[in-house]
Amino acid sequence: MYPSSPSPGPTPLQSFLGGVCLALPVQTFLSLNKNTFGISGFIYGAARGNTEDTMSVLGLILGGVAVAFIEGGRPPIRDPALLPLILSGLLVGVGAKMSNGCTSGHMICGLSHFSIRSIAATATFCVTASLTAHFLHDALTPIPGDPSLGAHGSAFLTSGAAALVLTLASSRLIRAVVRARQAIAFCTAFAFATALRLSNLSDPRRVLAFLLTPAHTAFDSSLVYLAIGAIPLAAVLYHVGTVRVPRKGRVDARLLTGAALFGIGWGIEGICPGPGLINFGWALATGSGIMPLGMWLTAVIIGGSLVPS
């Protein structure tokens, strides 16, 4: 299920390049559709019947299907027990809706926009996720590392690049504005999915190992390399671009409470909305893990529906 190597460690090259490739569809989506690439928002919008958000969700799921064809095997699920999966999904759903964002909207987009709200939200959910991971997963053992691009890295890079080319082609060739926006939403989400798998953020065990912090013997620094690849590039692309995201107010109790709940849910299973959708697509393609991932996503939708807008 997980990559093998002679010794435990991170995946620096895969995660760094995955981070770089995450920044590109995020900025492309903002530039062409004038919206933030917020995956929890896509899920809630799709649940309400928004077609553009539905296309983003489909792009992420079918990106997971592509991962299955490229990589084979089974989607990474640390623990298929339904009770923690459902609790995790509910908390992620409630928390993302209250704080108006998750790891994509706040951590990748928000930090690159220098949003004070996103800085506060990211710091809060990282702290609560880390505390939760220490409480529940302190027995986690070190994970095999891989300093190379990996057996499937080139395929993920090629697939993501092709999706971005199709994004630009859609924006130029499809004359109907609504259909063009839908095609852009789908293609950028597909590119994001392949980049996320390359980065290893879609592997819940590696995420939990990162959340355990360097003091733990199982700590995995892969997601540090992802952040180094994604956030500076996304910041440069955002600030040289012409589209700006409106400021959404001050840091308040709702934001911090939501971020804290999101972090607890994230720390229970190591899954957030993007990886959940991608791994669900992987599960659909392989017939393995459909039930637990489907239950987690259902719980996210239910949790979000419980929070007033």
C-alpha atoms as a PDB file:
ATOM      1  CA  MET A   1       0.000   0.000   0.000  1.00  0.00           C
ATOM      2  CA  TYR A   2       2.842   2.380   0.757  1.00  0.00           C
ATOM      3  CA  PRO A   3       6.129   2.950  -1.101  1.00  0.00           C
ATOM      4  CA  SER A   4       9.066   0.911   0.079  1.00  0.00           C
ATOM      5  CA  SER A   5      12.687   1.899   0.585  1.00  0.00           C
ATOM      6  CA  PRO A   6      15.651   0.669   2.614  1.00  0.00           C
ATOM      7  CA  SER A   7      15.037   3.142   5.434  1.00  0.00           C
ATOM      8  CA  PRO A   8      12.280   5.387   6.818  1.00  0.00           C
ATOM      9  CA  GLY A   9      12.122   8.999   5.706  1.00  0.00           C
ATOM     10  CA  PRO A  10      10.280  11.598   3.631  1.00  0.00           C
ATOM     11  CA  THR A  11       9.591  11.896  -0.094  1.00  0.00           C
ATOM     12  CA  PRO A  12      11.276  15.276  -0.716  1.00  0.00           C
ATOM     13  CA  LEU A  13      11.353  15.367  -4.518  1.00  0.00           C
ATOM     14  CA  GLN A  14       7.843  13.989  -4.988  1.00  0.00           C
ATOM     15  CA  SER A  15       6.383  16.313  -2.369  1.00  0.00           C
ATOM     16  CA  PHE A  16       8.211  19.417  -3.587  1.00  0.00           C
ATOM     17  CA  LEU A  17       7.213  18.878  -7.232  1.00  0.00           C
ATOM     18  CA  GLY A  18       3.712  17.964  -6.124  1.00  0.00           C
ATOM     19  CA  GLY A  19       3.531  21.280  -4.287  1.00  0.00           C
ATOM     20  CA  VAL A  20       4.718  23.176  -7.359  1.00  0.00           C
ATOM     21  CA  CYS A  21       2.079  21.399  -9.428  1.00  0.00           C
ATOM     22  CA  LEU A  22      -0.616  22.242  -6.869  1.00  0.00           C
ATOM     23  CA  ALA A  23       0.075  25.963  -7.218  1.00  0.00           C
ATOM     24  CA  LEU A  24      -0.499  25.937 -10.986  1.00  0.00           C
ATOM     25  CA  PRO A  25      -4.159  24.750 -11.128  1.00  0.00           C
ATOM     26  CA  VAL A  26      -4.991  26.862  -8.069  1.00  0.00           C
ATOM     27  CA  GLN A  27      -3.836  30.064  -9.797  1.00  0.00           C
ATOM     28  CA  THR A  28      -5.239  28.998 -13.178  1.00  0.00           C
ATOM     29  CA  PHE A  29      -8.668  28.464 -11.619  1.00  0.00           C
ATOM     30  CA  LEU A  30      -8.511  31.860  -9.899  1.00  0.00           C
ATOM     31  CA  SER A  31      -7.379  33.649 -13.057  1.00  0.00           C
ATOM     32  CA  LEU A  32      -9.932  32.093 -15.399  1.00  0.00           C
ATOM     33  CA  ASN A  33     -12.969  31.501 -13.156  1.00  0.00           C
ATOM     34  CA  LYS A  34     -12.233  34.273 -10.635  1.00  0.00           C
ATOM     35  CA  ASN A  35     -12.824  31.950  -7.668  1.00  0.00           C
ATOM     36  CA  THR A  36     -10.701  30.518  -4.873  1.00  0.00           C
ATOM     37  CA  PHE A  37      -9.840  26.832  -5.211  1.00  0.00           C
ATOM     38  CA  GLY A  38     -11.594  25.760  -2.001  1.00  0.00           C
ATOM     39  CA  ILE A  39     -12.425  22.065  -2.011  1.00  0.00           C
ATOM     40  CA  SER A  40     -14.773  22.052   0.971  1.00  0.00           C
ATOM     41  CA  GLY A  41     -16.698  24.843  -0.776  1.00  0.00           C
ATOM     42  CA  PHE A  42     -16.849  22.709  -3.930  1.00  0.00           C
ATOM     43  CA  ILE A  43     -18.351  19.844  -1.921  1.00  0.00           C
ATOM     44  CA  TYR A  44     -21.020  21.996  -0.266  1.00  0.00           C
ATOM     45  CA  GLY A  45     -21.821  23.742  -3.556  1.00  0.00           C
ATOM     46  CA  ALA A  46     -22.153  20.417  -5.376  1.00  0.00           C
ATOM     47  CA  ALA A  47     -24.467  19.139  -2.631  1.00  0.00           C
ATOM     48  CA  ARG A  48     -26.691  22.188  -3.277  1.00  0.00           C
ATOM     49  CA  GLY A  49     -26.711  21.499  -7.027  1.00  0.00           C
ATOM     50  CA  ASN A  50     -24.173  24.086  -8.216  1.00  0.00           C
ATOM     51  CA  THR A  51     -22.992  22.752 -11.584  1.00  0.00           C
ATOM     52  CA  GLU A  52     -19.576  24.408 -11.584  1.00  0.00           C
ATOM     53  CA  ASP A  53     -18.781  23.068  -8.118  1.00  0.00           C
ATOM     54  CA  THR A  54     -20.029  19.664  -9.212  1.00  0.00           C
ATOM     55  CA  MET A  55     -17.560  19.692 -12.096  1.00  0.00           C
ATOM     56  CA  SER A  56     -14.739  20.471  -9.660  1.00  0.00           C
ATOM     57  CA  VAL A  57     -15.791  17.558  -7.459  1.00  0.00           C
ATOM     58  CA  LEU A  58     -15.984  15.266 -10.489  1.00  0.00           C
ATOM     59  CA  GLY A  59     -12.534  16.412 -11.601  1.00  0.00           C
ATOM     60  CA  LEU A  60     -11.065  15.446  -8.237  1.00  0.00           C
ATOM     61  CA  ILE A  61     -12.846  12.077  -8.184  1.00  0.00           C
ATOM     62  CA  LEU A  62     -11.883  11.229 -11.761  1.00  0.00           C
ATOM     63  CA  GLY A  63      -8.367  12.356 -10.950  1.00  0.00           C
ATOM     64  CA  GLY A  64      -8.467   9.632  -8.307  1.00  0.00           C
ATOM     65  CA  VAL A  65      -9.651   7.184 -10.955  1.00  0.00           C
ATOM     66  CA  ALA A  66      -6.629   8.182 -13.061  1.00  0.00           C
ATOM     67  CA  VAL A  67      -4.384   7.606 -10.037  1.00  0.00           C
ATOM     68  CA  ALA A  68      -5.794   4.082  -9.765  1.00  0.00           C
ATOM     69  CA  PHE A  69      -4.957   3.347 -13.408  1.00  0.00           C
ATOM     70  CA  ILE A  70      -1.471   4.821 -13.074  1.00  0.00           C
ATOM     71  CA  GLU A  71      -0.537   3.374  -9.706  1.00  0.00           C
ATOM     72  CA  GLY A  72      -2.789   0.353  -9.230  1.00  0.00           C
ATOM     73  CA  GLY A  73      -3.146  -1.107  -5.768  1.00  0.00           C
ATOM     74  CA  ARG A  74      -5.648   0.198  -3.239  1.00  0.00           C
ATOM     75  CA  PRO A  75      -6.383   3.692  -1.902  1.00  0.00           C
ATOM     76  CA  PRO A  76      -4.518   4.371   1.357  1.00  0.00           C
ATOM     77  CA  ILE A  77      -6.893   4.040   4.315  1.00  0.00           C
ATOM     78  CA  ARG A  78      -5.264   3.841   7.695  1.00  0.00           C
ATOM     79  CA  ASP A  79      -8.252   2.509   9.640  1.00  0.00           C
ATOM     80  CA  PRO A  80     -11.503   1.350   7.985  1.00  0.00           C
ATOM     81  CA  ALA A  81     -13.471   1.404  11.278  1.00  0.00           C
ATOM     82  CA  LEU A  82     -16.632   3.409  10.597  1.00  0.00           C
ATOM     83  CA  LEU A  83     -17.042   5.213  13.943  1.00  0.00           C
ATOM     84  CA  PRO A  84     -13.773   7.224  13.795  1.00  0.00           C
ATOM     85  CA  LEU A  85     -14.276   7.793  10.056  1.00  0.00           C
ATOM     86  CA  ILE A  86     -17.752   9.206  10.608  1.00  0.00           C
ATOM     87  CA  LEU A  87     -16.633  11.340  13.570  1.00  0.00           C
ATOM     88  CA  SER A  88     -13.685  12.629  11.535  1.00  0.00           C
ATOM     89  CA  GLY A  89     -15.917  13.467   8.578  1.00  0.00           C
ATOM     90  CA  LEU A  90     -18.489  15.260  10.718  1.00  0.00           C
ATOM     91  CA  LEU A  91     -15.849  17.392  12.436  1.00  0.00           C
ATOM     92  CA  VAL A  92     -14.109  18.190   9.155  1.00  0.00           C
ATOM     93  CA  GLY A  93     -17.457  19.154   7.623  1.00  0.00           C
ATOM     94  CA  VAL A  94     -18.597  21.311  10.533  1.00  0.00           C
ATOM     95  CA  GLY A  95     -15.167  22.894  10.949  1.00  0.00           C
ATOM     96  CA  ALA A  96     -14.609  23.683   7.272  1.00  0.00           C
ATOM     97  CA  LYS A  97     -18.061  25.261   6.970  1.00  0.00           C
ATOM     98  CA  MET A  98     -17.629  27.359  10.130  1.00  0.00           C
ATOM     99  CA  SER A  99     -14.161  28.560   9.167  1.00  0.00           C
ATOM    100  CA  ASN A 100     -15.053  28.911   5.471  1.00  0.00           C
ATOM    101  CA  GLY A 101     -12.139  26.810   4.258  1.00  0.00           C
ATOM    102  CA  CYS A 102      -9.889  23.785   4.670  1.00  0.00           C
ATOM    103  CA  THR A 103      -6.318  22.879   3.737  1.00  0.00           C
ATOM    104  CA  SER A 104      -6.780  24.012   0.130  1.00  0.00           C
ATOM    105  CA  GLY A 105      -8.685  27.238   0.773  1.00  0.00           C
ATOM    106  CA  HIS A 106      -6.800  28.378   3.864  1.00  0.00           C
ATOM    107  CA  MET A 107      -3.400  26.671   3.790  1.00  0.00           C
ATOM    108  CA  ILE A 108      -2.550  26.787   0.078  1.00  0.00           C
ATOM    109  CA  CYS A 109      -4.656  29.670  -1.243  1.00  0.00           C
ATOM    110  CA  GLY A 110      -5.052  31.771   1.895  1.00  0.00           C
ATOM    111  CA  LEU A 111      -1.412  31.715   2.964  1.00  0.00           C
ATOM    112  CA  SER A 112      -0.292  32.596  -0.544  1.00  0.00           C
ATOM    113  CA  HIS A 113      -2.722  35.555  -0.480  1.00  0.00           C
ATOM    114  CA  PHE A 114      -1.267  36.653   2.897  1.00  0.00           C
ATOM    115  CA  SER A 115      -4.745  36.454   4.428  1.00  0.00           C
ATOM    116  CA  ILE A 116      -4.704  37.080   8.181  1.00  0.00           C
ATOM    117  CA  ARG A 117      -7.827  34.917   8.585  1.00  0.00           C
ATOM    118  CA  SER A 118      -6.162  32.038   6.752  1.00  0.00           C
ATOM    119  CA  ILE A 119      -2.959  32.389   8.762  1.00  0.00           C
ATOM    120  CA  ALA A 120      -5.005  32.192  11.973  1.00  0.00           C
ATOM    121  CA  ALA A 121      -7.112  29.281  10.702  1.00  0.00           C
ATOM    122  CA  THR A 122      -4.103  27.297   9.467  1.00  0.00           C
ATOM    123  CA  ALA A 123      -2.205  27.775  12.717  1.00  0.00           C
ATOM    124  CA  THR A 124      -5.278  26.717  14.696  1.00  0.00           C
ATOM    125  CA  PHE A 125      -6.112  23.567  12.762  1.00  0.00           C
ATOM    126  CA  CYS A 126      -2.470  22.490  12.605  1.00  0.00           C
ATOM    127  CA  VAL A 127      -2.214  22.749  16.399  1.00  0.00           C
ATOM    128  CA  THR A 128      -5.442  20.855  17.119  1.00  0.00           C
ATOM    129  CA  ALA A 129      -4.643  18.250  14.449  1.00  0.00           C
ATOM    130  CA  SER A 130      -1.199  17.722  15.958  1.00  0.00           C
ATOM    131  CA  LEU A 131      -2.578  17.342  19.473  1.00  0.00           C
ATOM    132  CA  THR A 132      -5.198  14.886  18.225  1.00  0.00           C
ATOM    133  CA  ALA A 133      -2.605  12.867  16.293  1.00  0.00           C
ATOM    134  CA  HIS A 134      -0.378  12.659  19.372  1.00  0.00           C
ATOM    135  CA  PHE A 135      -3.333  11.483  21.467  1.00  0.00           C
ATOM    136  CA  LEU A 136      -4.633   8.870  19.009  1.00  0.00           C
ATOM    137  CA  HIS A 137      -1.625   7.849  16.914  1.00  0.00           C
ATOM    138  CA  ASP A 138       1.379   8.029  19.217  1.00  0.00           C
ATOM    139  CA  ALA A 139       2.184   4.379  18.377  1.00  0.00           C
ATOM    140  CA  LEU A 140       2.614   5.143  14.659  1.00  0.00           C
ATOM    141  CA  THR A 141       5.831   3.662  13.310  1.00  0.00           C
ATOM    142  CA  PRO A 142       8.239   5.346  10.839  1.00  0.00           C
ATOM    143  CA  ILE A 143       7.209   5.198   7.187  1.00  0.00           C
ATOM    144  CA  PRO A 144       9.511   4.102   4.345  1.00  0.00           C
ATOM    145  CA  GLY A 145      10.889   7.071   2.436  1.00  0.00           C
ATOM    146  CA  ASP A 146      11.847   7.638  -1.179  1.00  0.00           C
ATOM    147  CA  PRO A 147      14.203  10.437  -2.301  1.00  0.00           C
ATOM    148  CA  SER A 148      13.454   9.835  -5.996  1.00  0.00           C
ATOM    149  CA  LEU A 149      10.555  10.880  -8.196  1.00  0.00           C
ATOM    150  CA  GLY A 150       9.061   7.461  -7.607  1.00  0.00           C
ATOM    151  CA  ALA A 151       7.790   4.808  -9.962  1.00  0.00           C
ATOM    152  CA  HIS A 152       4.754   6.842 -11.027  1.00  0.00           C
ATOM    153  CA  GLY A 153       5.943  10.430 -10.623  1.00  0.00           C
ATOM    154  CA  SER A 154       6.490  11.049 -14.335  1.00  0.00           C
ATOM    155  CA  ALA A 155       2.994   9.789 -15.137  1.00  0.00           C
ATOM    156  CA  PHE A 156       1.449  12.096 -12.546  1.00  0.00           C
ATOM    157  CA  LEU A 157       3.409  15.061 -13.894  1.00  0.00           C
ATOM    158  CA  THR A 158       2.390  14.277 -17.474  1.00  0.00           C
ATOM    159  CA  SER A 159      -1.280  13.836 -16.554  1.00  0.00           C
ATOM    160  CA  GLY A 160      -1.354  17.114 -14.642  1.00  0.00           C
ATOM    161  CA  ALA A 161       0.348  19.003 -17.457  1.00  0.00           C
ATOM    162  CA  ALA A 162      -2.137  17.594 -19.985  1.00  0.00           C
ATOM    163  CA  ALA A 163      -5.033  18.694 -17.772  1.00  0.00           C
ATOM    164  CA  LEU A 164      -3.642  22.233 -17.570  1.00  0.00           C
ATOM    165  CA  VAL A 165      -3.239  22.375 -21.352  1.00  0.00           C
ATOM    166  CA  LEU A 166      -6.881  21.318 -21.685  1.00  0.00           C
ATOM    167  CA  THR A 167      -7.821  24.013 -19.170  1.00  0.00           C
ATOM    168  CA  LEU A 168      -6.240  26.712 -21.308  1.00  0.00           C
ATOM    169  CA  ALA A 169      -7.738  25.228 -24.478  1.00  0.00           C
ATOM    170  CA  SER A 170     -11.183  25.217 -22.881  1.00  0.00           C
ATOM    171  CA  SER A 171     -10.886  28.871 -21.945  1.00  0.00           C
ATOM    172  CA  ARG A 172     -10.010  29.757 -25.557  1.00  0.00           C
ATOM    173  CA  LEU A 173     -12.136  27.386 -27.618  1.00  0.00           C
ATOM    174  CA  ILE A 174     -15.425  26.996 -25.731  1.00  0.00           C
ATOM    175  CA  ARG A 175     -17.498  30.054 -26.555  1.00  0.00           C
ATOM    176  CA  ALA A 176     -20.373  29.445 -24.156  1.00  0.00           C
ATOM    177  CA  VAL A 177     -19.224  31.106 -20.932  1.00  0.00           C
ATOM    178  CA  VAL A 178     -21.004  28.701 -18.578  1.00  0.00           C
ATOM    179  CA  ARG A 179     -19.651  25.620 -20.333  1.00  0.00           C
ATOM    180  CA  ALA A 180     -16.158  27.091 -20.450  1.00  0.00           C
ATOM    181  CA  ARG A 181     -16.247  27.737 -16.709  1.00  0.00           C
ATOM    182  CA  GLN A 182     -17.402  24.173 -16.078  1.00  0.00           C
ATOM    183  CA  ALA A 183     -14.641  22.742 -18.262  1.00  0.00           C
ATOM    184  CA  ILE A 184     -12.053  24.905 -16.487  1.00  0.00           C
ATOM    185  CA  ALA A 185     -13.362  23.751 -13.097  1.00  0.00           C
ATOM    186  CA  PHE A 186     -13.115  20.097 -14.131  1.00  0.00           C
ATOM    187  CA  CYS A 187      -9.657  20.296 -15.724  1.00  0.00           C
ATOM    188  CA  THR A 188      -8.013  22.288 -12.926  1.00  0.00           C
ATOM    189  CA  ALA A 189      -9.463  19.889 -10.343  1.00  0.00           C
ATOM    190  CA  PHE A 190      -8.116  16.918 -12.291  1.00  0.00           C
ATOM    191  CA  ALA A 191      -4.655  18.525 -12.419  1.00  0.00           C
ATOM    192  CA  PHE A 192      -4.870  19.261  -8.695  1.00  0.00           C
ATOM    193  CA  ALA A 193      -5.714  15.603  -8.004  1.00  0.00           C
ATOM    194  CA  THR A 194      -2.650  14.216  -9.768  1.00  0.00           C
ATOM    195  CA  ALA A 195      -0.427  16.796  -8.062  1.00  0.00           C
ATOM    196  CA  LEU A 196      -1.885  15.951  -4.674  1.00  0.00           C
ATOM    197  CA  ARG A 197      -1.134  12.266  -5.177  1.00  0.00           C
ATOM    198  CA  LEU A 198       2.410  13.069  -6.286  1.00  0.00           C
ATOM    199  CA  SER A 199       2.899  15.225  -3.184  1.00  0.00           C
ATOM    200  CA  ASN A 200       1.740  12.382  -0.858  1.00  0.00           C
ATOM    201  CA  LEU A 201      -0.776  14.597   0.969  1.00  0.00           C
ATOM    202  CA  SER A 202      -3.375  12.031  -0.116  1.00  0.00           C
ATOM    203  CA  ASP A 203      -1.689   9.370   2.068  1.00  0.00           C
ATOM    204  CA  PRO A 204      -3.284   9.656   5.544  1.00  0.00           C
ATOM    205  CA  ARG A 205      -0.488   7.753   7.268  1.00  0.00           C
ATOM    206  CA  ARG A 206       2.129  10.197   5.972  1.00  0.00           C
ATOM    207  CA  VAL A 207      -0.087  13.151   6.979  1.00  0.00           C
ATOM    208  CA  LEU A 208      -0.462  11.779  10.513  1.00  0.00           C
ATOM    209  CA  ALA A 209       3.303  11.240  10.690  1.00  0.00           C
ATOM    210  CA  PHE A 210       3.782  14.915   9.796  1.00  0.00           C
ATOM    211  CA  LEU A 211       1.260  16.004  12.431  1.00  0.00           C
ATOM    212  CA  LEU A 212       3.195  14.095  15.120  1.00  0.00           C
ATOM    213  CA  THR A 213       5.917  16.839  14.852  1.00  0.00           C
ATOM    214  CA  PRO A 214       9.723  16.361  14.820  1.00  0.00           C
ATOM    215  CA  ALA A 215       9.793  15.269  18.472  1.00  0.00           C
ATOM    216  CA  HIS A 216       8.241  11.925  17.468  1.00  0.00           C
ATOM    217  CA  THR A 217      10.305   9.091  15.992  1.00  0.00           C
ATOM    218  CA  ALA A 218       7.741   8.578  13.203  1.00  0.00           C
ATOM    219  CA  PHE A 219       7.761  12.237  12.071  1.00  0.00           C
ATOM    220  CA  ASP A 220       7.669  12.640   8.305  1.00  0.00           C
ATOM    221  CA  SER A 221       8.710  15.976   6.795  1.00  0.00           C
ATOM    222  CA  SER A 222       7.254  15.350   3.320  1.00  0.00           C
ATOM    223  CA  LEU A 223       4.536  17.958   3.752  1.00  0.00           C
ATOM    224  CA  VAL A 224       7.163  20.574   4.588  1.00  0.00           C
ATOM    225  CA  TYR A 225       8.573  20.041   1.098  1.00  0.00           C
ATOM    226  CA  LEU A 226       5.037  20.318  -0.302  1.00  0.00           C
ATOM    227  CA  ALA A 227       4.582  23.682   1.408  1.00  0.00           C
ATOM    228  CA  ILE A 228       7.951  24.899   0.115  1.00  0.00           C
ATOM    229  CA  GLY A 229       6.929  23.941  -3.411  1.00  0.00           C
ATOM    230  CA  ALA A 230       3.348  25.227  -3.296  1.00  0.00           C
ATOM    231  CA  ILE A 231       3.019  28.355  -1.167  1.00  0.00           C
ATOM    232  CA  PRO A 232       5.871  30.606  -2.433  1.00  0.00           C
ATOM    233  CA  LEU A 233       5.019  29.862  -6.080  1.00  0.00           C
ATOM    234  CA  ALA A 234       1.299  30.374  -5.453  1.00  0.00           C
ATOM    235  CA  ALA A 235       2.104  33.682  -3.742  1.00  0.00           C
ATOM    236  CA  VAL A 236       4.219  34.894  -6.669  1.00  0.00           C
ATOM    237  CA  LEU A 237       1.588  33.847  -9.225  1.00  0.00           C
ATOM    238  CA  TYR A 238      -1.168  35.505  -7.207  1.00  0.00           C
ATOM    239  CA  HIS A 239       0.659  38.793  -6.790  1.00  0.00           C
ATOM    240  CA  VAL A 240       1.680  39.056 -10.438  1.00  0.00           C
ATOM    241  CA  GLY A 241      -1.837  38.100 -11.541  1.00  0.00           C
ATOM    242  CA  THR A 242      -4.697  40.514 -12.039  1.00  0.00           C
ATOM    243  CA  VAL A 243      -7.447  38.796  -9.991  1.00  0.00           C
ATOM    244  CA  ARG A 244      -7.658  39.608  -6.285  1.00  0.00           C
ATOM    245  CA  VAL A 245      -9.589  37.778  -3.575  1.00  0.00           C
ATOM    246  CA  PRO A 246     -11.775  40.067  -1.433  1.00  0.00           C
ATOM    247  CA  ARG A 247     -10.853  40.248   2.253  1.00  0.00           C
ATOM    248  CA  LYS A 248     -13.489  38.437   4.318  1.00  0.00           C
ATOM    249  CA  GLY A 249     -13.383  40.267   7.615  1.00  0.00           C
ATOM    250  CA  ARG A 250     -11.581  39.830  10.888  1.00  0.00           C
ATOM    251  CA  VAL A 251     -10.441  36.840  12.867  1.00  0.00           C
ATOM    252  CA  ASP A 252     -13.381  35.881  15.076  1.00  0.00           C
ATOM    253  CA  ALA A 253     -14.608  33.091  17.345  1.00  0.00           C
ATOM    254  CA  ARG A 254     -16.477  31.307  14.548  1.00  0.00           C
ATOM    255  CA  LEU A 255     -13.324  31.109  12.415  1.00  0.00           C
ATOM    256  CA  LEU A 256     -11.125  29.823  15.234  1.00  0.00           C
ATOM    257  CA  THR A 257     -13.724  27.378  16.574  1.00  0.00           C
ATOM    258  CA  GLY A 258     -14.323  25.991  13.102  1.00  0.00           C
ATOM    259  CA  ALA A 259     -10.597  25.660  12.415  1.00  0.00           C
ATOM    260  CA  ALA A 260     -10.096  23.887  15.749  1.00  0.00           C
ATOM    261  CA  LEU A 261     -12.881  21.389  14.993  1.00  0.00           C
ATOM    262  CA  PHE A 262     -11.530  20.848  11.483  1.00  0.00           C
ATOM    263  CA  GLY A 263      -8.091  20.132  12.942  1.00  0.00           C
ATOM    264  CA  ILE A 264      -9.471  17.544  15.355  1.00  0.00           C
ATOM    265  CA  GLY A 265     -11.278  15.788  12.501  1.00  0.00           C
ATOM    266  CA  TRP A 266      -8.141  15.932  10.361  1.00  0.00           C
ATOM    267  CA  GLY A 267      -6.037  14.523  13.196  1.00  0.00           C
ATOM    268  CA  ILE A 268      -8.385  11.581  13.764  1.00  0.00           C
ATOM    269  CA  GLU A 269      -7.915  10.043  10.305  1.00  0.00           C
ATOM    270  CA  GLY A 270      -5.381  12.191   8.441  1.00  0.00           C
ATOM    271  CA  ILE A 271      -7.959  12.913   5.715  1.00  0.00           C
ATOM    272  CA  CYS A 272      -9.144  16.314   4.499  1.00  0.00           C
ATOM    273  CA  PRO A 273     -11.596  17.040   1.634  1.00  0.00           C
ATOM    274  CA  GLY A 274      -9.204  16.890  -1.330  1.00  0.00           C
ATOM    275  CA  PRO A 275      -7.590  13.565  -0.437  1.00  0.00           C
ATOM    276  CA  GLY A 276     -10.998  12.210   0.546  1.00  0.00           C
ATOM    277  CA  LEU A 277     -12.396  12.835  -2.941  1.00  0.00           C
ATOM    278  CA  ILE A 278      -9.272  11.592  -4.730  1.00  0.00           C
ATOM    279  CA  ASN A 279      -9.066   8.407  -2.687  1.00  0.00           C
ATOM    280  CA  PHE A 280     -12.801   7.856  -3.214  1.00  0.00           C
ATOM    281  CA  GLY A 281     -12.221   7.960  -6.967  1.00  0.00           C
ATOM    282  CA  TRP A 282      -9.329   5.533  -6.498  1.00  0.00           C
ATOM    283  CA  ALA A 283     -11.664   3.281  -4.504  1.00  0.00           C
ATOM    284  CA  LEU A 284     -14.356   3.395  -7.190  1.00  0.00           C
ATOM    285  CA  ALA A 285     -11.833   2.347  -9.827  1.00  0.00           C
ATOM    286  CA  THR A 286     -10.471  -0.569  -7.810  1.00  0.00           C
ATOM    287  CA  GLY A 287     -13.579  -1.635  -5.865  1.00  0.00           C
ATOM    288  CA  SER A 288     -11.604  -1.384  -2.601  1.00  0.00           C
ATOM    289  CA  GLY A 289     -12.382   1.048   0.204  1.00  0.00           C
ATOM    290  CA  ILE A 290     -15.609   2.444  -1.280  1.00  0.00           C
ATOM    291  CA  MET A 291     -17.650   2.068   1.910  1.00  0.00           C
ATOM    292  CA  PRO A 292     -15.312   3.775   4.421  1.00  0.00           C
ATOM    293  CA  LEU A 293     -14.398   6.639   2.094  1.00  0.00           C
ATOM    294  CA  GLY A 294     -18.022   7.057   1.019  1.00  0.00           C
ATOM    295  CA  MET A 295     -19.094   7.221   4.656  1.00  0.00           C
ATOM    296  CA  TRP A 296     -16.396   9.796   5.419  1.00  0.00           C
ATOM    297  CA  LEU A 297     -17.491  12.026   2.540  1.00  0.00           C
ATOM    298  CA  THR A 298     -21.161  11.646   3.471  1.00  0.00           C
ATOM    299  CA  ALA A 299     -20.311  12.692   7.019  1.00  0.00           C
ATOM    300  CA  VAL A 300     -18.460  15.772   5.687  1.00  0.00           C
ATOM    301  CA  ILE A 301     -21.554  16.817   3.714  1.00  0.00           C
ATOM    302  CA  ILE A 302     -23.851  16.205   6.691  1.00  0.00           C
ATOM    303  CA  GLY A 303     -21.518  18.109   9.015  1.00  0.00           C
ATOM    304  CA  GLY A 304     -21.422  21.078   6.664  1.00  0.00           C
ATOM    305  CA  SER A 305     -25.214  21.054   6.304  1.00  0.00           C
ATOM    306  CA  LEU A 306     -25.584  21.403  10.068  1.00  0.00           C
ATOM    307  CA  VAL A 307     -23.824  24.790  10.069  1.00  0.00           C
ATOM    308  CA  PRO A 308     -25.785  27.875   8.975  1.00  0.00           C
ATOM    309  CA  SER A 309     -24.090  29.929   6.258  1.00  0.00           C
END
